[in-house]
Amino acid sequence: MLINIAVSSEIYNNKSGSIINLCGNINTCLNAKTGGSNSKITIGINGKTKINKNITGLSYLEFSSKTNGNENLYNLAHIGIKVPKIGIINYGKNYILLHNINSWVNLSVSRKYEKNYVDEISKNLLTYTNDSFFNLIDGLNFSLQYVGKSQTKTKDDIFKNHEGFGIYADYNIGHGLIIGGAYSELDKSYKEHESKNFRSWNGGAKYEAKNLYFAAMYGESKNRFLKTNDDYIKQLNKEINGIKDFGFMIQYFFDNLHLKPSVSYMKKKEKSQYQHNNKNKEKDLEKFILINTMYFFNKDLTAVLDYKLNLLNDNNIGLDRNSINFGIGYRF
């Protein structure tokens, strides 16, 4: 399991208000059942520039590299401005707004096979974020997002951006409880000879008080595809009419023991229109329990042990396996 956390270190600061922070982490993971290992280095550069007394320029670049392969990725790359009481607007490669809710239950971190599904990071995103609703309603935050159409030529239409939009809002009720929801729509889904909008929404709640954390989410997607080059899944893409996601996690931090155990339940169900000649037949794509324990040697060095218990008896996508993973993460 890869631990995706980072702490910033200031590497540049001048009198005019320009600041550059460096953040990053080094993670290594060993699968106890297969003996396979996976190591990853992630570096982030966060910049701020004071344009005038009311406007601040922002930029962020995140790069990752796997040490056991040739895969180098620019995860995030966006620039923007921040105006007091108005909010932040940025453009570039960023998270889609559905990610905000998914991250509450660690869907983006704990799912080893999440790359098989619609990416939570996309290019050509214009995002506007506002906290406390223009300083009028404390605790109410919202975001608006425009997805620009990609001009990149690819052999497979599944890898292209399509024009669309997204909205997100959350509200801090108080006493550690936050609720939120997001909606996204693109102008085309991956279905041959069809032009149907890809629509997706999710909602969730999280509670955090002292050392206890609990979160749950539910989401549905219409005309959603599975992103892969596998022939079986390509055929499945022609049949899928919708996908449902559900997940929850509970976590507790034991101060004296430096331990943070958690238990998560994740389920993904697809609704096929023509599967086995039965209309609207539903089938589980993923269904598992993840038991995770983190041990903090200090604020920078962390060890992780997790056990993924598969609850599916049969799955043609290859997700029907139990796994035990041990990882070490160092942040700076």
Foldseek 3Di string as FASTA:
>chain_A
DWDDDKDWDWDDDDPQGKTKIKKWKWKKKAWPPPRDIKIKIKIKIWIWGDPDPFKIKIWMWMWMDIPVDGDIDTQWTKIWMAGQLQFIKIFFKDFDPQVVQVVLQPVVPPDPVCLQFDDRIDTGKIKTKGACNSVPHHFKIKMKIWHDWDPDDDPAPQPTTATWIKMKMKGDPDQQKIKIKMKIWGQAAPAPPDTHIKIKMKIKMWGDDDFKIKIKMKMKIALTATDDPDPVSSVVSNFFGMKIKIKMKIWGADVVQQKIKMKMWIWMKTFGQQPVHDGRDIDTQFTWMKIKMWHDPDPFKIKMWIWIGGPDPDHPVPRRDIIIMIMIMGID
